[in-house]
Amino acid sequence: MTKLLAILNVIAWAGFWAFGYIALTTHSHNTKDMMTAAILAALGGAVGMWAYLRLVRYSEATGYAKPANRVEKTHLEEDENGESA
């Protein structure tokens, strides 16, 4: 599953950059092609970000990457939320 996500991630980001370039360099009078390329670039960016975040979550869960730094709750925040240690 992770190899499939990695392949999807690479293809999606490649589509984002390729169609983004096309959208930015298309002549302004060619609105239909520009909008099509912009929509495809946005879809590529969204799918690429989703796949990347799934890969990061998997790598943290398996121990391949260390988990992100998170601040522990202080005793004041625990009291405000009604929680006790």
PDB file of N, CA and C in Angstrom:
ATOM      1  N   MET A   1       0.825  -1.201   0.000  1.00  0.00           N
ATOM      2  CA  MET A   1       0.000   0.000   0.000  1.00  0.00           C
ATOM      3  C   MET A   1       0.865   1.260   0.000  1.00  0.00           C
ATOM      4  N   THR A   2       1.976   1.212   0.738  1.00  0.00           N
ATOM      5  CA  THR A   2       2.818   2.409   0.795  1.00  0.00           C
ATOM      6  C   THR A   2       3.494   2.676  -0.547  1.00  0.00           C
ATOM      7  N   LYS A   3       3.834   1.615  -1.280  1.00  0.00           N
ATOM      8  CA  LYS A   3       4.441   1.834  -2.600  1.00  0.00           C
ATOM      9  C   LYS A   3       3.431   2.471  -3.546  1.00  0.00           C
ATOM     10  N   LEU A   4       2.186   2.050  -3.441  1.00  0.00           N
ATOM     11  CA  LEU A   4       1.137   2.651  -4.263  1.00  0.00           C
ATOM     12  C   LEU A   4       0.952   4.122  -3.914  1.00  0.00           C
ATOM     13  N   LEU A   5       0.968   4.440  -2.620  1.00  0.00           N
ATOM     14  CA  LEU A   5       0.867   5.839  -2.202  1.00  0.00           C
ATOM     15  C   LEU A   5       2.063   6.656  -2.690  1.00  0.00           C
ATOM     16  N   ALA A   6       3.251   6.077  -2.638  1.00  0.00           N
ATOM     17  CA  ALA A   6       4.444   6.792  -3.094  1.00  0.00           C
ATOM     18  C   ALA A   6       4.383   7.058  -4.600  1.00  0.00           C
ATOM     19  N   ILE A   7       3.937   6.072  -5.359  1.00  0.00           N
ATOM     20  CA  ILE A   7       3.804   6.266  -6.810  1.00  0.00           C
ATOM     21  C   ILE A   7       2.740   7.320  -7.107  1.00  0.00           C
ATOM     22  N   LEU A   8       1.608   7.238  -6.397  1.00  0.00           N
ATOM     23  CA  LEU A   8       0.544   8.235  -6.569  1.00  0.00           C
ATOM     24  C   LEU A   8       1.043   9.626  -6.213  1.00  0.00           C
ATOM     25  N   ASN A   9       1.849   9.722  -5.175  1.00  0.00           N
ATOM     26  CA  ASN A   9       2.399  11.004  -4.749  1.00  0.00           C
ATOM     27  C   ASN A   9       3.270  11.614  -5.840  1.00  0.00           C
ATOM     28  N   VAL A  10       4.152  10.829  -6.426  1.00  0.00           N
ATOM     29  CA  VAL A  10       5.053  11.326  -7.470  1.00  0.00           C
ATOM     30  C   VAL A  10       4.269  11.748  -8.707  1.00  0.00           C
ATOM     31  N   ILE A  11       3.326  10.931  -9.121  1.00  0.00           N
ATOM     32  CA  ILE A  11       2.536  11.256 -10.315  1.00  0.00           C
ATOM     33  C   ILE A  11       1.688  12.506 -10.082  1.00  0.00           C
ATOM     34  N   ALA A  12       1.091  12.611  -8.898  1.00  0.00           N
ATOM     35  CA  ALA A  12       0.248  13.772  -8.608  1.00  0.00           C
ATOM     36  C   ALA A  12       1.060  15.061  -8.590  1.00  0.00           C
ATOM     37  N   TRP A  13       2.236  15.042  -7.953  1.00  0.00           N
ATOM     38  CA  TRP A  13       3.050  16.255  -7.927  1.00  0.00           C
ATOM     39  C   TRP A  13       3.600  16.605  -9.305  1.00  0.00           C
ATOM     40  N   ALA A  14       3.906  15.594 -10.100  1.00  0.00           N
ATOM     41  CA  ALA A  14       4.354  15.863 -11.465  1.00  0.00           C
ATOM     42  C   ALA A  14       3.236  16.520 -12.268  1.00  0.00           C
ATOM     43  N   GLY A  15       2.009  16.034 -12.090  1.00  0.00           N
ATOM     44  CA  GLY A  15       0.862  16.659 -12.754  1.00  0.00           C
ATOM     45  C   GLY A  15       0.632  18.079 -12.280  1.00  0.00           C
ATOM     46  N   PHE A  16       0.810  18.297 -10.981  1.00  0.00           N
ATOM     47  CA  PHE A  16       0.660  19.649 -10.438  1.00  0.00           C
ATOM     48  C   PHE A  16       1.626  20.616 -11.103  1.00  0.00           C
ATOM     49  N   TRP A  17       2.909  20.233 -11.169  1.00  0.00           N
ATOM     50  CA  TRP A  17       3.902  21.133 -11.757  1.00  0.00           C
ATOM     51  C   TRP A  17       3.719  21.292 -13.259  1.00  0.00           C
ATOM     52  N   ALA A  18       3.412  20.206 -13.955  1.00  0.00           N
ATOM     53  CA  ALA A  18       3.260  20.283 -15.410  1.00  0.00           C
ATOM     54  C   ALA A  18       2.040  21.116 -15.793  1.00  0.00           C
ATOM     55  N   PHE A  19       0.894  20.814 -15.208  1.00  0.00           N
ATOM     56  CA  PHE A  19      -0.314  21.556 -15.559  1.00  0.00           C
ATOM     57  C   PHE A  19      -0.297  22.967 -14.985  1.00  0.00           C
ATOM     58  N   GLY A  20       0.386  23.158 -13.866  1.00  0.00           N
ATOM     59  CA  GLY A  20       0.543  24.508 -13.331  1.00  0.00           C
ATOM     60  C   GLY A  20       1.355  25.388 -14.264  1.00  0.00           C
ATOM     61  N   TYR A  21       2.409  24.813 -14.817  1.00  0.00           N
ATOM     62  CA  TYR A  21       3.220  25.549 -15.793  1.00  0.00           C
ATOM     63  C   TYR A  21       2.396  25.894 -17.028  1.00  0.00           C
ATOM     64  N   ILE A  22       1.614  24.930 -17.504  1.00  0.00           N
ATOM     65  CA  ILE A  22       0.775  25.177 -18.682  1.00  0.00           C
ATOM     66  C   ILE A  22      -0.247  26.273 -18.387  1.00  0.00           C
ATOM     67  N   ALA A  23      -0.846  26.219 -17.190  1.00  0.00           N
ATOM     68  CA  ALA A  23      -1.848  27.228 -16.831  1.00  0.00           C
ATOM     69  C   ALA A  23      -1.235  28.625 -16.760  1.00  0.00           C
ATOM     70  N   LEU A  24      -0.012  28.716 -16.263  1.00  0.00           N
ATOM     71  CA  LEU A  24       0.621  30.028 -16.120  1.00  0.00           C
ATOM     72  C   LEU A  24       1.180  30.581 -17.422  1.00  0.00           C
ATOM     73  N   THR A  25       1.510  29.713 -18.366  1.00  0.00           N
ATOM     74  CA  THR A  25       2.129  30.191 -19.602  1.00  0.00           C
ATOM     75  C   THR A  25       1.176  30.240 -20.785  1.00  0.00           C
ATOM     76  N   THR A  26      -0.072  29.845 -20.592  1.00  0.00           N
ATOM     77  CA  THR A  26      -1.049  29.906 -21.671  1.00  0.00           C
ATOM     78  C   THR A  26      -1.439  31.357 -21.919  1.00  0.00           C
ATOM     79  N   HIS A  27      -1.682  31.712 -23.160  1.00  0.00           N
ATOM     80  CA  HIS A  27      -2.091  33.079 -23.489  1.00  0.00           C
ATOM     81  C   HIS A  27      -3.439  33.395 -22.851  1.00  0.00           C
ATOM     82  N   SER A  28      -3.620  34.633 -22.491  1.00  0.00           N
ATOM     83  CA  SER A  28      -4.827  35.031 -21.760  1.00  0.00           C
ATOM     84  C   SER A  28      -6.100  34.918 -22.600  1.00  0.00           C
ATOM     85  N   HIS A  29      -6.008  34.944 -23.900  1.00  0.00           N
ATOM     86  CA  HIS A  29      -7.203  34.823 -24.735  1.00  0.00           C
ATOM     87  C   HIS A  29      -7.675  33.371 -24.860  1.00  0.00           C
ATOM     88  N   ASN A  30      -6.864  32.422 -24.397  1.00  0.00           N
ATOM     89  CA  ASN A  30      -7.205  31.006 -24.460  1.00  0.00           C
ATOM     90  C   ASN A  30      -7.695  30.545 -23.073  1.00  0.00           C
ATOM     91  N   THR A  31      -8.834  31.082 -22.659  1.00  0.00           N
ATOM     92  CA  THR A  31      -9.333  30.881 -21.302  1.00  0.00           C
ATOM     93  C   THR A  31      -9.697  29.433 -21.008  1.00  0.00           C
ATOM     94  N   LYS A  32     -10.283  28.743 -21.978  1.00  0.00           N
ATOM     95  CA  LYS A  32     -10.722  27.361 -21.741  1.00  0.00           C
ATOM     96  C   LYS A  32      -9.540  26.455 -21.399  1.00  0.00           C
ATOM     97  N   ASP A  33      -8.470  26.549 -22.167  1.00  0.00           N
ATOM     98  CA  ASP A  33      -7.287  25.722 -21.896  1.00  0.00           C
ATOM     99  C   ASP A  33      -6.626  26.107 -20.576  1.00  0.00           C
ATOM    100  N   MET A  34      -6.614  27.405 -20.277  1.00  0.00           N
ATOM    101  CA  MET A  34      -5.999  27.863 -19.046  1.00  0.00           C
ATOM    102  C   MET A  34      -6.765  27.347 -17.827  1.00  0.00           C
ATOM    103  N   MET A  35      -8.086  27.393 -17.867  1.00  0.00           N
ATOM    104  CA  MET A  35      -8.893  26.918 -16.747  1.00  0.00           C
ATOM    105  C   MET A  35      -8.798  25.401 -16.596  1.00  0.00           C
ATOM    106  N   THR A  36      -8.767  24.681 -17.704  1.00  0.00           N
ATOM    107  CA  THR A  36      -8.618  23.224 -17.646  1.00  0.00           C
ATOM    108  C   THR A  36      -7.291  22.856 -16.993  1.00  0.00           C
ATOM    109  N   ALA A  37      -6.222  23.514 -17.404  1.00  0.00           N
ATOM    110  CA  ALA A  37      -4.910  23.233 -16.829  1.00  0.00           C
ATOM    111  C   ALA A  37      -4.859  23.631 -15.357  1.00  0.00           C
ATOM    112  N   ALA A  38      -5.502  24.730 -14.990  1.00  0.00           N
ATOM    113  CA  ALA A  38      -5.509  25.164 -13.593  1.00  0.00           C
ATOM    114  C   ALA A  38      -6.271  24.175 -12.713  1.00  0.00           C
ATOM    115  N   ILE A  39      -7.389  23.667 -13.211  1.00  0.00           N
ATOM    116  CA  ILE A  39      -8.170  22.686 -12.441  1.00  0.00           C
ATOM    117  C   ILE A  39      -7.378  21.387 -12.281  1.00  0.00           C
ATOM    118  N   LEU A  40      -6.724  20.935 -13.347  1.00  0.00           N
ATOM    119  CA  LEU A  40      -5.913  19.722 -13.254  1.00  0.00           C
ATOM    120  C   LEU A  40      -4.717  19.917 -12.320  1.00  0.00           C
ATOM    121  N   ALA A  41      -4.135  21.109 -12.325  1.00  0.00           N
ATOM    122  CA  ALA A  41      -3.028  21.396 -11.417  1.00  0.00           C
ATOM    123  C   ALA A  41      -3.511  21.392  -9.967  1.00  0.00           C
ATOM    124  N   ALA A  42      -4.682  21.960  -9.719  1.00  0.00           N
ATOM    125  CA  ALA A  42      -5.229  21.968  -8.358  1.00  0.00           C
ATOM    126  C   ALA A  42      -5.538  20.550  -7.884  1.00  0.00           C
ATOM    127  N   LEU A  43      -6.086  19.732  -8.760  1.00  0.00           N
ATOM    128  CA  LEU A  43      -6.353  18.340  -8.399  1.00  0.00           C
ATOM    129  C   LEU A  43      -5.056  17.585  -8.119  1.00  0.00           C
ATOM    130  N   GLY A  44      -4.050  17.815  -8.938  1.00  0.00           N
ATOM    131  CA  GLY A  44      -2.752  17.180  -8.708  1.00  0.00           C
ATOM    132  C   GLY A  44      -2.133  17.606  -7.389  1.00  0.00           C
ATOM    133  N   GLY A  45      -2.247  18.878  -7.064  1.00  0.00           N
ATOM    134  CA  GLY A  45      -1.726  19.362  -5.787  1.00  0.00           C
ATOM    135  C   GLY A  45      -2.475  18.790  -4.597  1.00  0.00           C
ATOM    136  N   ALA A  46      -3.794  18.686  -4.713  1.00  0.00           N
ATOM    137  CA  ALA A  46      -4.593  18.139  -3.610  1.00  0.00           C
ATOM    138  C   ALA A  46      -4.302  16.656  -3.393  1.00  0.00           C
ATOM    139  N   VAL A  47      -4.254  15.899  -4.475  1.00  0.00           N
ATOM    140  CA  VAL A  47      -3.962  14.463  -4.355  1.00  0.00           C
ATOM    141  C   VAL A  47      -2.531  14.249  -3.864  1.00  0.00           C
ATOM    142  N   GLY A  48      -1.597  15.055  -4.346  1.00  0.00           N
ATOM    143  CA  GLY A  48      -0.217  14.952  -3.899  1.00  0.00           C
ATOM    144  C   GLY A  48      -0.068  15.262  -2.420  1.00  0.00           C
ATOM    145  N   MET A  49      -0.761  16.274  -1.940  1.00  0.00           N
ATOM    146  CA  MET A  49      -0.695  16.617  -0.517  1.00  0.00           C
ATOM    147  C   MET A  49      -1.330  15.518   0.341  1.00  0.00           C
ATOM    148  N   TRP A  50      -2.459  14.983  -0.123  1.00  0.00           N
ATOM    149  CA  TRP A  50      -3.117  13.900   0.615  1.00  0.00           C
ATOM    150  C   TRP A  50      -2.210  12.677   0.706  1.00  0.00           C
ATOM    151  N   ALA A  51      -1.607  12.293  -0.409  1.00  0.00           N
ATOM    152  CA  ALA A  51      -0.733  11.122  -0.416  1.00  0.00           C
ATOM    153  C   ALA A  51       0.504  11.353   0.446  1.00  0.00           C
ATOM    154  N   TYR A  52       1.046  12.552   0.392  1.00  0.00           N
ATOM    155  CA  TYR A  52       2.219  12.867   1.208  1.00  0.00           C
ATOM    156  C   TYR A  52       1.901  12.776   2.692  1.00  0.00           C
ATOM    157  N   LEU A  53       0.767  13.335   3.098  1.00  0.00           N
ATOM    158  CA  LEU A  53       0.401  13.288   4.507  1.00  0.00           C
ATOM    159  C   LEU A  53       0.119  11.861   4.965  1.00  0.00           C
ATOM    160  N   ARG A  54      -0.458  11.037   4.110  1.00  0.00           N
ATOM    161  CA  ARG A  54      -0.667   9.623   4.451  1.00  0.00           C
ATOM    162  C   ARG A  54       0.670   8.902   4.614  1.00  0.00           C
ATOM    163  N   LEU A  55       1.635   9.206   3.755  1.00  0.00           N
ATOM    164  CA  LEU A  55       2.956   8.593   3.879  1.00  0.00           C
ATOM    165  C   LEU A  55       3.670   9.036   5.153  1.00  0.00           C
ATOM    166  N   VAL A  56       3.525  10.293   5.520  1.00  0.00           N
ATOM    167  CA  VAL A  56       4.132  10.785   6.757  1.00  0.00           C
ATOM    168  C   VAL A  56       3.498  10.096   7.959  1.00  0.00           C
ATOM    169  N   ARG A  57       2.182   9.969   7.955  1.00  0.00           N
ATOM    170  CA  ARG A  57       1.491   9.297   9.052  1.00  0.00           C
ATOM    171  C   ARG A  57       1.952   7.845   9.179  1.00  0.00           C
ATOM    172  N   TYR A  58       2.105   7.163   8.059  1.00  0.00           N
ATOM    173  CA  TYR A  58       2.554   5.776   8.078  1.00  0.00           C
ATOM    174  C   TYR A  58       3.987   5.673   8.587  1.00  0.00           C
ATOM    175  N   SER A  59       4.862   6.555   8.134  1.00  0.00           N
ATOM    176  CA  SER A  59       6.257   6.475   8.553  1.00  0.00           C
ATOM    177  C   SER A  59       6.422   6.792  10.036  1.00  0.00           C
ATOM    178  N   GLU A  60       5.594   7.676  10.601  1.00  0.00           N
ATOM    179  CA  GLU A  60       5.642   7.931  12.035  1.00  0.00           C
ATOM    180  C   GLU A  60       5.096   6.752  12.823  1.00  0.00           C
ATOM    181  N   ALA A  61       4.054   6.105  12.317  1.00  0.00           N
ATOM    182  CA  ALA A  61       3.439   4.979  13.027  1.00  0.00           C
ATOM    183  C   ALA A  61       4.348   3.759  13.053  1.00  0.00           C
ATOM    184  N   THR A  62       5.139   3.554  12.007  1.00  0.00           N
ATOM    185  CA  THR A  62       6.012   2.386  11.949  1.00  0.00           C
ATOM    186  C   THR A  62       7.372   2.628  12.581  1.00  0.00           C
ATOM    187  N   GLY A  63       7.669   3.868  12.959  1.00  0.00           N
ATOM    188  CA  GLY A  63       8.949   4.169  13.583  1.00  0.00           C
ATOM    189  C   GLY A  63      10.038   4.537  12.607  1.00  0.00           C
ATOM    190  N   TYR A  64       9.721   4.608  11.326  1.00  0.00           N
ATOM    191  CA  TYR A  64      10.727   4.987  10.332  1.00  0.00           C
ATOM    192  C   TYR A  64      11.154   6.438  10.524  1.00  0.00           C
ATOM    193  N   ALA A  65      10.203   7.293  10.861  1.00  0.00           N
ATOM    194  CA  ALA A  65      10.498   8.699  11.147  1.00  0.00           C
ATOM    195  C   ALA A  65      10.074   8.983  12.573  1.00  0.00           C
ATOM    196  N   LYS A  66      10.796   9.863  13.239  1.00  0.00           N
ATOM    197  CA  LYS A  66      10.408  10.165  14.607  1.00  0.00           C
ATOM    198  C   LYS A  66       9.138  11.017  14.595  1.00  0.00           C
ATOM    199  N   PRO A  67       8.269  10.857  15.579  1.00  0.00           N
ATOM    200  CA  PRO A  67       7.023  11.627  15.618  1.00  0.00           C
ATOM    201  C   PRO A  67       7.295  13.124  15.767  1.00  0.00           C
ATOM    202  N   ALA A  68       6.345  13.905  15.350  1.00  0.00           N
ATOM    203  CA  ALA A  68       6.471  15.359  15.449  1.00  0.00           C
ATOM    204  C   ALA A  68       6.507  15.780  16.920  1.00  0.00           C
ATOM    205  N   ASN A  69       7.222  16.863  17.182  1.00  0.00           N
ATOM    206  CA  ASN A  69       7.290  17.374  18.550  1.00  0.00           C
ATOM    207  C   ASN A  69       5.941  17.951  18.955  1.00  0.00           C
ATOM    208  N   ARG A  70       5.471  17.527  20.094  1.00  0.00           N
ATOM    209  CA  ARG A  70       4.206  18.041  20.607  1.00  0.00           C
ATOM    210  C   ARG A  70       4.406  18.456  22.045  1.00  0.00           C
ATOM    211  N   VAL A  71       3.800  19.551  22.410  1.00  0.00           N
ATOM    212  CA  VAL A  71       3.931  20.064  23.764  1.00  0.00           C
ATOM    213  C   VAL A  71       2.947  19.326  24.662  1.00  0.00           C
ATOM    214  N   GLU A  72       3.422  18.901  25.834  1.00  0.00           N
ATOM    215  CA  GLU A  72       2.559  18.241  26.802  1.00  0.00           C
ATOM    216  C   GLU A  72       1.674  19.290  27.462  1.00  0.00           C
ATOM    217  N   LYS A  73       0.496  18.862  27.921  1.00  0.00           N
ATOM    218  CA  LYS A  73      -0.393  19.786  28.614  1.00  0.00           C
ATOM    219  C   LYS A  73       0.216  20.184  29.954  1.00  0.00           C
ATOM    220  N   THR A  74       0.075  21.448  30.284  1.00  0.00           N
ATOM    221  CA  THR A  74       0.528  21.898  31.597  1.00  0.00           C
ATOM    222  C   THR A  74      -0.585  21.676  32.602  1.00  0.00           C
ATOM    223  N   HIS A  75      -0.262  21.823  33.858  1.00  0.00           N
ATOM    224  CA  HIS A  75      -1.285  21.619  34.884  1.00  0.00           C
ATOM    225  C   HIS A  75      -2.386  22.682  34.813  1.00  0.00           C
ATOM    226  N   LEU A  76      -2.071  23.860  34.288  1.00  0.00           N
ATOM    227  CA  LEU A  76      -3.093  24.905  34.153  1.00  0.00           C
ATOM    228  C   LEU A  76      -4.101  24.555  33.055  1.00  0.00           C
ATOM    229  N   GLU A  77      -3.640  24.025  31.945  1.00  0.00           N
ATOM    230  CA  GLU A  77      -4.544  23.640  30.876  1.00  0.00           C
ATOM    231  C   GLU A  77      -5.411  22.450  31.301  1.00  0.00           C
ATOM    232  N   GLU A  78      -4.870  21.547  32.114  1.00  0.00           N
ATOM    233  CA  GLU A  78      -5.650  20.419  32.587  1.00  0.00           C
ATOM    234  C   GLU A  78      -6.766  20.877  33.521  1.00  0.00           C
ATOM    235  N   ASP A  79      -6.466  21.886  34.375  1.00  0.00           N
ATOM    236  CA  ASP A  79      -7.480  22.400  35.287  1.00  0.00           C
ATOM    237  C   ASP A  79      -8.602  23.123  34.550  1.00  0.00           C
ATOM    238  N   GLU A  80      -8.262  23.849  33.482  1.00  0.00           N
ATOM    239  CA  GLU A  80      -9.267  24.566  32.710  1.00  0.00           C
ATOM    240  C   GLU A  80     -10.211  23.616  32.010  1.00  0.00           C
ATOM    241  N   ASN A  81      -9.704  22.492  31.560  1.00  0.00           N
ATOM    242  CA  ASN A  81     -10.527  21.512  30.859  1.00  0.00           C
ATOM    243  C   ASN A  81     -11.259  20.577  31.797  1.00  0.00           C
ATOM    244  N   GLY A  82     -11.037  20.701  33.085  1.00  0.00           N
ATOM    245  CA  GLY A  82     -11.710  19.843  34.040  1.00  0.00           C
ATOM    246  C   GLY A  82     -11.081  18.470  34.164  1.00  0.00           C
ATOM    247  N   GLU A  83      -9.876  18.331  33.684  1.00  0.00           N
ATOM    248  CA  GLU A  83      -9.192  17.051  33.753  1.00  0.00           C
ATOM    249  C   GLU A  83      -8.226  17.087  34.946  1.00  0.00           C
ATOM    250  N   SER A  84      -8.010  15.943  35.512  1.00  0.00           N
ATOM    251  CA  SER A  84      -7.028  15.852  36.584  1.00  0.00           C
ATOM    252  C   SER A  84      -6.046  14.747  36.265  1.00  0.00           C
ATOM    253  N   ALA A  85      -4.851  14.889  36.808  1.00  0.00           N
ATOM    254  CA  ALA A  85      -3.806  13.908  36.525  1.00  0.00           C
ATOM    255  C   ALA A  85      -3.989  12.607  37.251  1.00  0.00           C
TER     256      ALA A  85
END
